[in-house]
Amino acid sequence: MLTVTKVSITTDMAYARVYLSVFGPEQENKKKVVEEVNGMSRNIRRLLGDRVRFQLRVIPELQFFEDDSLDYIAKIDDLLKQ
């Protein structure tokens, strides 16, 4: 399961950094999932453009990154429990 946790867009709306949180049983597959989504970024951008073409003048180029803030929170929580 994927969740978009944060999106940062440049002021000229040329680029968007999309942070994804990947939920699943295996930790090592998270990077692989984000790489696969990056491979599909052109298709995702086209679908986004189809939906918002009348609201936006420029459809930003999408770059996907793994958001590891939930892992960081879990690690801090485990350290506090010890």
PDB file of N, CA and C in Angstrom:
ATOM      1  N   MET A   1       0.853  -1.170   0.000  1.00  0.00           N
ATOM      2  CA  MET A   1       0.000   0.000   0.000  1.00  0.00           C
ATOM      3  C   MET A   1       0.899   1.234   0.000  1.00  0.00           C
ATOM      4  N   LEU A   2       0.565   2.194  -0.821  1.00  0.00           N
ATOM      5  CA  LEU A   2       1.313   3.441  -0.924  1.00  0.00           C
ATOM      6  C   LEU A   2       0.478   4.597  -0.407  1.00  0.00           C
ATOM      7  N   THR A   3       1.144   5.529   0.261  1.00  0.00           N
ATOM      8  CA  THR A   3       0.502   6.755   0.714  1.00  0.00           C
ATOM      9  C   THR A   3       1.412   7.921   0.391  1.00  0.00           C
ATOM     10  N   VAL A   4       0.848   8.960  -0.182  1.00  0.00           N
ATOM     11  CA  VAL A   4       1.603  10.186  -0.415  1.00  0.00           C
ATOM     12  C   VAL A   4       1.586  10.975   0.882  1.00  0.00           C
ATOM     13  N   THR A   5       2.765  11.233   1.441  1.00  0.00           N
ATOM     14  CA  THR A   5       2.834  11.921   2.732  1.00  0.00           C
ATOM     15  C   THR A   5       3.162  13.399   2.598  1.00  0.00           C
ATOM     16  N   LYS A   6       3.882  13.767   1.530  1.00  0.00           N
ATOM     17  CA  LYS A   6       4.275  15.163   1.374  1.00  0.00           C
ATOM     18  C   LYS A   6       4.602  15.419  -0.094  1.00  0.00           C
ATOM     19  N   VAL A   7       4.277  16.622  -0.561  1.00  0.00           N
ATOM     20  CA  VAL A   7       4.627  17.034  -1.920  1.00  0.00           C
ATOM     21  C   VAL A   7       5.223  18.435  -1.843  1.00  0.00           C
ATOM     22  N   SER A   8       6.406  18.612  -2.403  1.00  0.00           N
ATOM     23  CA  SER A   8       7.058  19.922  -2.483  1.00  0.00           C
ATOM     24  C   SER A   8       7.161  20.294  -3.959  1.00  0.00           C
ATOM     25  N   ILE A   9       6.658  21.477  -4.311  1.00  0.00           N
ATOM     26  CA  ILE A   9       6.654  21.929  -5.694  1.00  0.00           C
ATOM     27  C   ILE A   9       7.521  23.186  -5.794  1.00  0.00           C
ATOM     28  N   THR A  10       8.343  23.256  -6.834  1.00  0.00           N
ATOM     29  CA  THR A  10       9.151  24.457  -7.048  1.00  0.00           C
ATOM     30  C   THR A  10       8.242  25.628  -7.381  1.00  0.00           C
ATOM     31  N   THR A  11       8.754  26.841  -7.211  1.00  0.00           N
ATOM     32  CA  THR A  11       7.928  28.031  -7.412  1.00  0.00           C
ATOM     33  C   THR A  11       7.454  28.190  -8.848  1.00  0.00           C
ATOM     34  N   ASP A  12       8.231  27.701  -9.800  1.00  0.00           N
ATOM     35  CA  ASP A  12       7.795  27.789 -11.192  1.00  0.00           C
ATOM     36  C   ASP A  12       6.948  26.582 -11.615  1.00  0.00           C
ATOM     37  N   MET A  13       6.672  25.695 -10.689  1.00  0.00           N
ATOM     38  CA  MET A  13       5.852  24.496 -10.879  1.00  0.00           C
ATOM     39  C   MET A  13       6.428  23.564 -11.941  1.00  0.00           C
ATOM     40  N   ALA A  14       7.731  23.565 -12.124  1.00  0.00           N
ATOM     41  CA  ALA A  14       8.355  22.681 -13.097  1.00  0.00           C
ATOM     42  C   ALA A  14       8.629  21.292 -12.521  1.00  0.00           C
ATOM     43  N   TYR A  15       8.901  21.219 -11.227  1.00  0.00           N
ATOM     44  CA  TYR A  15       9.242  19.953 -10.586  1.00  0.00           C
ATOM     45  C   TYR A  15       8.449  19.779  -9.297  1.00  0.00           C
ATOM     46  N   ALA A  16       8.094  18.532  -9.021  1.00  0.00           N
ATOM     47  CA  ALA A  16       7.423  18.194  -7.768  1.00  0.00           C
ATOM     48  C   ALA A  16       8.142  17.000  -7.145  1.00  0.00           C
ATOM     49  N   ARG A  17       8.504  17.141  -5.886  1.00  0.00           N
ATOM     50  CA  ARG A  17       9.097  16.042  -5.123  1.00  0.00           C
ATOM     51  C   ARG A  17       7.980  15.414  -4.313  1.00  0.00           C
ATOM     52  N   VAL A  18       7.691  14.161  -4.608  1.00  0.00           N
ATOM     53  CA  VAL A  18       6.587  13.447  -3.970  1.00  0.00           C
ATOM     54  C   VAL A  18       7.184  12.407  -3.030  1.00  0.00           C
ATOM     55  N   TYR A  19       6.814  12.494  -1.751  1.00  0.00           N
ATOM     56  CA  TYR A  19       7.318  11.556  -0.750  1.00  0.00           C
ATOM     57  C   TYR A  19       6.260  10.495  -0.497  1.00  0.00           C
ATOM     58  N   LEU A  20       6.675   9.224  -0.616  1.00  0.00           N
ATOM     59  CA  LEU A  20       5.771   8.098  -0.475  1.00  0.00           C
ATOM     60  C   LEU A  20       6.100   7.308   0.773  1.00  0.00           C
ATOM     61  N   SER A  21       5.067   6.900   1.470  1.00  0.00           N
ATOM     62  CA  SER A  21       5.216   5.996   2.595  1.00  0.00           C
ATOM     63  C   SER A  21       4.702   4.642   2.126  1.00  0.00           C
ATOM     64  N   VAL A  22       5.561   3.628   2.191  1.00  0.00           N
ATOM     65  CA  VAL A  22       5.226   2.293   1.707  1.00  0.00           C
ATOM     66  C   VAL A  22       4.961   1.402   2.906  1.00  0.00           C
ATOM     67  N   PHE A  23       3.768   0.824   2.941  1.00  0.00           N
ATOM     68  CA  PHE A  23       3.402  -0.081   4.025  1.00  0.00           C
ATOM     69  C   PHE A  23       3.454  -1.506   3.519  1.00  0.00           C
ATOM     70  N   GLY A  24       4.130  -2.350   4.248  1.00  0.00           N
ATOM     71  CA  GLY A  24       4.234  -3.740   3.845  1.00  0.00           C
ATOM     72  C   GLY A  24       5.073  -4.511   4.843  1.00  0.00           C
ATOM     73  N   PRO A  25       5.062  -5.831   4.721  1.00  0.00           N
ATOM     74  CA  PRO A  25       5.780  -6.653   5.700  1.00  0.00           C
ATOM     75  C   PRO A  25       7.298  -6.612   5.562  1.00  0.00           C
ATOM     76  N   GLU A  26       7.805  -6.380   4.350  1.00  0.00           N
ATOM     77  CA  GLU A  26       9.250  -6.444   4.142  1.00  0.00           C
ATOM     78  C   GLU A  26       9.841  -5.056   3.933  1.00  0.00           C
ATOM     79  N   GLN A  27      10.863  -4.724   4.693  1.00  0.00           N
ATOM     80  CA  GLN A  27      11.481  -3.406   4.644  1.00  0.00           C
ATOM     81  C   GLN A  27      12.321  -3.211   3.380  1.00  0.00           C
ATOM     82  N   GLU A  28      12.993  -4.262   2.898  1.00  0.00           N
ATOM     83  CA  GLU A  28      13.896  -4.083   1.761  1.00  0.00           C
ATOM     84  C   GLU A  28      13.149  -3.843   0.456  1.00  0.00           C
ATOM     85  N   ASN A  29      11.869  -4.160   0.401  1.00  0.00           N
ATOM     86  CA  ASN A  29      11.092  -3.936  -0.815  1.00  0.00           C
ATOM     87  C   ASN A  29      10.653  -2.487  -0.978  1.00  0.00           C
ATOM     88  N   LYS A  30      10.795  -1.675   0.041  1.00  0.00           N
ATOM     89  CA  LYS A  30      10.354  -0.281  -0.034  1.00  0.00           C
ATOM     90  C   LYS A  30      11.113   0.486  -1.108  1.00  0.00           C
ATOM     91  N   LYS A  31      12.414   0.334  -1.139  1.00  0.00           N
ATOM     92  CA  LYS A  31      13.217   1.028  -2.145  1.00  0.00           C
ATOM     93  C   LYS A  31      12.857   0.549  -3.549  1.00  0.00           C
ATOM     94  N   LYS A  32      12.595  -0.731  -3.691  1.00  0.00           N
ATOM     95  CA  LYS A  32      12.226  -1.293  -4.989  1.00  0.00           C
ATOM     96  C   LYS A  32      10.886  -0.728  -5.462  1.00  0.00           C
ATOM     97  N   VAL A  33       9.937  -0.582  -4.551  1.00  0.00           N
ATOM     98  CA  VAL A  33       8.628  -0.037  -4.901  1.00  0.00           C
ATOM     99  C   VAL A  33       8.764   1.413  -5.353  1.00  0.00           C
ATOM    100  N   VAL A  34       9.564   2.204  -4.648  1.00  0.00           N
ATOM    101  CA  VAL A  34       9.762   3.604  -5.019  1.00  0.00           C
ATOM    102  C   VAL A  34      10.466   3.704  -6.375  1.00  0.00           C
ATOM    103  N   GLU A  35      11.417   2.817  -6.646  1.00  0.00           N
ATOM    104  CA  GLU A  35      12.080   2.800  -7.954  1.00  0.00           C
ATOM    105  C   GLU A  35      11.087   2.479  -9.070  1.00  0.00           C
ATOM    106  N   GLU A  36      10.181   1.533  -8.820  1.00  0.00           N
ATOM    107  CA  GLU A  36       9.176   1.182  -9.821  1.00  0.00           C
ATOM    108  C   GLU A  36       8.226   2.350 -10.079  1.00  0.00           C
ATOM    109  N   VAL A  37       7.843   3.059  -9.025  1.00  0.00           N
ATOM    110  CA  VAL A  37       6.966   4.214  -9.188  1.00  0.00           C
ATOM    111  C   VAL A  37       7.691   5.310  -9.964  1.00  0.00           C
ATOM    112  N   ASN A  38       8.979   5.498  -9.698  1.00  0.00           N
ATOM    113  CA  ASN A  38       9.771   6.474 -10.463  1.00  0.00           C
ATOM    114  C   ASN A  38       9.820   6.095 -11.942  1.00  0.00           C
ATOM    115  N   GLY A  39       9.849   4.800 -12.227  1.00  0.00           N
ATOM    116  CA  GLY A  39       9.842   4.346 -13.606  1.00  0.00           C
ATOM    117  C   GLY A  39       8.525   4.645 -14.314  1.00  0.00           C
ATOM    118  N   MET A  40       7.456   4.754 -13.548  1.00  0.00           N
ATOM    119  CA  MET A  40       6.140   5.050 -14.104  1.00  0.00           C
ATOM    120  C   MET A  40       5.776   6.525 -13.999  1.00  0.00           C
ATOM    121  N   SER A  41       6.742   7.383 -13.668  1.00  0.00           N
ATOM    122  CA  SER A  41       6.435   8.790 -13.408  1.00  0.00           C
ATOM    123  C   SER A  41       5.867   9.506 -14.635  1.00  0.00           C
ATOM    124  N   ARG A  42       6.310   9.137 -15.832  1.00  0.00           N
ATOM    125  CA  ARG A  42       5.762   9.772 -17.047  1.00  0.00           C
ATOM    126  C   ARG A  42       4.276   9.457 -17.203  1.00  0.00           C
ATOM    127  N   ASN A  43       3.910   8.204 -16.962  1.00  0.00           N
ATOM    128  CA  ASN A  43       2.501   7.812 -17.056  1.00  0.00           C
ATOM    129  C   ASN A  43       1.663   8.484 -15.977  1.00  0.00           C
ATOM    130  N   ILE A  44       2.207   8.566 -14.777  1.00  0.00           N
ATOM    131  CA  ILE A  44       1.493   9.213 -13.673  1.00  0.00           C
ATOM    132  C   ILE A  44       1.309  10.696 -13.974  1.00  0.00           C
ATOM    133  N   ARG A  45       2.346  11.331 -14.540  1.00  0.00           N
ATOM    134  CA  ARG A  45       2.251  12.746 -14.905  1.00  0.00           C
ATOM    135  C   ARG A  45       1.180  12.959 -15.977  1.00  0.00           C
ATOM    136  N   ARG A  46       1.116  12.057 -16.937  1.00  0.00           N
ATOM    137  CA  ARG A  46       0.104  12.171 -17.985  1.00  0.00           C
ATOM    138  C   ARG A  46      -1.300  12.034 -17.400  1.00  0.00           C
ATOM    139  N   LEU A  47      -1.499  11.069 -16.503  1.00  0.00           N
ATOM    140  CA  LEU A  47      -2.796  10.906 -15.855  1.00  0.00           C
ATOM    141  C   LEU A  47      -3.166  12.127 -15.016  1.00  0.00           C
ATOM    142  N   LEU A  48      -2.176  12.682 -14.318  1.00  0.00           N
ATOM    143  CA  LEU A  48      -2.400  13.901 -13.548  1.00  0.00           C
ATOM    144  C   LEU A  48      -2.786  15.053 -14.466  1.00  0.00           C
ATOM    145  N   GLY A  49      -2.091  15.165 -15.582  1.00  0.00           N
ATOM    146  CA  GLY A  49      -2.389  16.218 -16.547  1.00  0.00           C
ATOM    147  C   GLY A  49      -3.793  16.100 -17.117  1.00  0.00           C
ATOM    148  N   ASP A  50      -4.248  14.868 -17.344  1.00  0.00           N
ATOM    149  CA  ASP A  50      -5.608  14.662 -17.841  1.00  0.00           C
ATOM    150  C   ASP A  50      -6.654  15.151 -16.840  1.00  0.00           C
ATOM    151  N   ARG A  51      -6.349  15.013 -15.554  1.00  0.00           N
ATOM    152  CA  ARG A  51      -7.315  15.388 -14.522  1.00  0.00           C
ATOM    153  C   ARG A  51      -7.310  16.864 -14.182  1.00  0.00           C
ATOM    154  N   VAL A  52      -6.154  17.519 -14.256  1.00  0.00           N
ATOM    155  CA  VAL A  52      -6.061  18.916 -13.798  1.00  0.00           C
ATOM    156  C   VAL A  52      -5.657  19.874 -14.907  1.00  0.00           C
ATOM    157  N   ARG A  53      -5.813  19.495 -16.148  1.00  0.00           N
ATOM    158  CA  ARG A  53      -5.312  20.333 -17.252  1.00  0.00           C
ATOM    159  C   ARG A  53      -5.969  21.697 -17.326  1.00  0.00           C
ATOM    160  N   PHE A  54      -7.196  21.821 -16.843  1.00  0.00           N
ATOM    161  CA  PHE A  54      -7.873  23.117 -16.904  1.00  0.00           C
ATOM    162  C   PHE A  54      -7.605  23.975 -15.670  1.00  0.00           C
ATOM    163  N   GLN A  55      -7.013  23.390 -14.626  1.00  0.00           N
ATOM    164  CA  GLN A  55      -6.704  24.140 -13.408  1.00  0.00           C
ATOM    165  C   GLN A  55      -5.254  24.607 -13.362  1.00  0.00           C
ATOM    166  N   LEU A  56      -4.356  23.899 -14.008  1.00  0.00           N
ATOM    167  CA  LEU A  56      -2.929  24.231 -13.966  1.00  0.00           C
ATOM    168  C   LEU A  56      -2.417  24.547 -15.360  1.00  0.00           C
ATOM    169  N   ARG A  57      -1.553  25.525 -15.445  1.00  0.00           N
ATOM    170  CA  ARG A  57      -0.948  25.870 -16.720  1.00  0.00           C
ATOM    171  C   ARG A  57       0.201  24.919 -17.053  1.00  0.00           C
ATOM    172  N   VAL A  58       0.955  24.503 -16.027  1.00  0.00           N
ATOM    173  CA  VAL A  58       2.095  23.609 -16.207  1.00  0.00           C
ATOM    174  C   VAL A  58       1.888  22.389 -15.315  1.00  0.00           C
ATOM    175  N   ILE A  59       2.082  21.215 -15.866  1.00  0.00           N
ATOM    176  CA  ILE A  59       2.044  19.983 -15.076  1.00  0.00           C
ATOM    177  C   ILE A  59       3.491  19.670 -14.678  1.00  0.00           C
ATOM    178  N   PRO A  60       3.780  19.620 -13.371  1.00  0.00           N
ATOM    179  CA  PRO A  60       5.171  19.437 -12.944  1.00  0.00           C
ATOM    180  C   PRO A  60       5.713  18.046 -13.260  1.00  0.00           C
ATOM    181  N   GLU A  61       7.030  17.986 -13.447  1.00  0.00           N
ATOM    182  CA  GLU A  61       7.712  16.710 -13.596  1.00  0.00           C
ATOM    183  C   GLU A  61       7.809  16.085 -12.201  1.00  0.00           C
ATOM    184  N   LEU A  62       7.432  14.828 -12.075  1.00  0.00           N
ATOM    185  CA  LEU A  62       7.333  14.175 -10.770  1.00  0.00           C
ATOM    186  C   LEU A  62       8.589  13.373 -10.453  1.00  0.00           C
ATOM    187  N   GLN A  63       9.071  13.531  -9.231  1.00  0.00           N
ATOM    188  CA  GLN A  63      10.188  12.751  -8.707  1.00  0.00           C
ATOM    189  C   GLN A  63       9.717  12.145  -7.386  1.00  0.00           C
ATOM    190  N   PHE A  64       9.830  10.844  -7.261  1.00  0.00           N
ATOM    191  CA  PHE A  64       9.324  10.143  -6.079  1.00  0.00           C
ATOM    192  C   PHE A  64      10.472   9.744  -5.172  1.00  0.00           C
ATOM    193  N   PHE A  65      10.226   9.905  -3.851  1.00  0.00           N
ATOM    194  CA  PHE A  65      11.212   9.565  -2.828  1.00  0.00           C
ATOM    195  C   PHE A  65      10.525   8.807  -1.705  1.00  0.00           C
ATOM    196  N   GLU A  66      11.300   7.989  -1.015  1.00  0.00           N
ATOM    197  CA  GLU A  66      10.767   7.241   0.130  1.00  0.00           C
ATOM    198  C   GLU A  66      10.713   8.153   1.348  1.00  0.00           C
ATOM    199  N   ASP A  67       9.575   8.162   2.013  1.00  0.00           N
ATOM    200  CA  ASP A  67       9.429   8.915   3.255  1.00  0.00           C
ATOM    201  C   ASP A  67       9.632   7.935   4.405  1.00  0.00           C
ATOM    202  N   ASP A  68      10.728   8.101   5.120  1.00  0.00           N
ATOM    203  CA  ASP A  68      11.049   7.182   6.208  1.00  0.00           C
ATOM    204  C   ASP A  68      10.739   7.765   7.584  1.00  0.00           C
ATOM    205  N   SER A  69       9.885   8.769   7.636  1.00  0.00           N
ATOM    206  CA  SER A  69       9.580   9.403   8.921  1.00  0.00           C
ATOM    207  C   SER A  69       8.846   8.448   9.865  1.00  0.00           C
ATOM    208  N   LEU A  70       8.004   7.553   9.341  1.00  0.00           N
ATOM    209  CA  LEU A  70       7.309   6.605  10.211  1.00  0.00           C
ATOM    210  C   LEU A  70       8.283   5.603  10.819  1.00  0.00           C
ATOM    211  N   ASP A  71       9.284   5.182  10.043  1.00  0.00           N
ATOM    212  CA  ASP A  71      10.316   4.289  10.581  1.00  0.00           C
ATOM    213  C   ASP A  71      11.116   4.991  11.674  1.00  0.00           C
ATOM    214  N   TYR A  72      11.415   6.263  11.454  1.00  0.00           N
ATOM    215  CA  TYR A  72      12.153   7.048  12.435  1.00  0.00           C
ATOM    216  C   TYR A  72      11.346   7.193  13.728  1.00  0.00           C
ATOM    217  N   ILE A  73      10.065   7.441  13.609  1.00  0.00           N
ATOM    218  CA  ILE A  73       9.198   7.563  14.783  1.00  0.00           C
ATOM    219  C   ILE A  73       9.133   6.245  15.541  1.00  0.00           C
ATOM    220  N   ALA A  74       9.023   5.138  14.827  1.00  0.00           N
ATOM    221  CA  ALA A  74       8.976   3.822  15.475  1.00  0.00           C
ATOM    222  C   ALA A  74      10.286   3.522  16.199  1.00  0.00           C
ATOM    223  N   LYS A  75      11.409   3.911  15.596  1.00  0.00           N
ATOM    224  CA  LYS A  75      12.713   3.685  16.227  1.00  0.00           C
ATOM    225  C   LYS A  75      12.846   4.498  17.515  1.00  0.00           C
ATOM    226  N   ILE A  76      12.424   5.754  17.487  1.00  0.00           N
ATOM    227  CA  ILE A  76      12.472   6.603  18.680  1.00  0.00           C
ATOM    228  C   ILE A  76      11.562   6.037  19.766  1.00  0.00           C
ATOM    229  N   ASP A  77      10.376   5.570  19.361  1.00  0.00           N
ATOM    230  CA  ASP A  77       9.440   4.987  20.313  1.00  0.00           C
ATOM    231  C   ASP A  77      10.028   3.747  20.976  1.00  0.00           C
ATOM    232  N   ASP A  78      10.698   2.900  20.195  1.00  0.00           N
ATOM    233  CA  ASP A  78      11.333   1.711  20.768  1.00  0.00           C
ATOM    234  C   ASP A  78      12.455   2.086  21.733  1.00  0.00           C
ATOM    235  N   LEU A  79      13.217   3.111  21.398  1.00  0.00           N
ATOM    236  CA  LEU A  79      14.296   3.546  22.282  1.00  0.00           C
ATOM    237  C   LEU A  79      13.743   4.116  23.592  1.00  0.00           C
ATOM    238  N   LEU A  80      12.632   4.808  23.515  1.00  0.00           N
ATOM    239  CA  LEU A  80      12.036   5.363  24.737  1.00  0.00           C
ATOM    240  C   LEU A  80      11.439   4.283  25.621  1.00  0.00           C
ATOM    241  N   LYS A  81      10.983   3.193  25.022  1.00  0.00           N
ATOM    242  CA  LYS A  81      10.417   2.091  25.805  1.00  0.00           C
ATOM    243  C   LYS A  81      11.491   1.329  26.557  1.00  0.00           C
ATOM    244  N   GLN A  82      12.745   1.384  26.084  1.00  0.00           N
ATOM    245  CA  GLN A  82      13.836   0.633  26.734  1.00  0.00           C
ATOM    246  C   GLN A  82      14.261   1.285  27.966  1.00  0.00           C
TER     247      GLN A  82
END
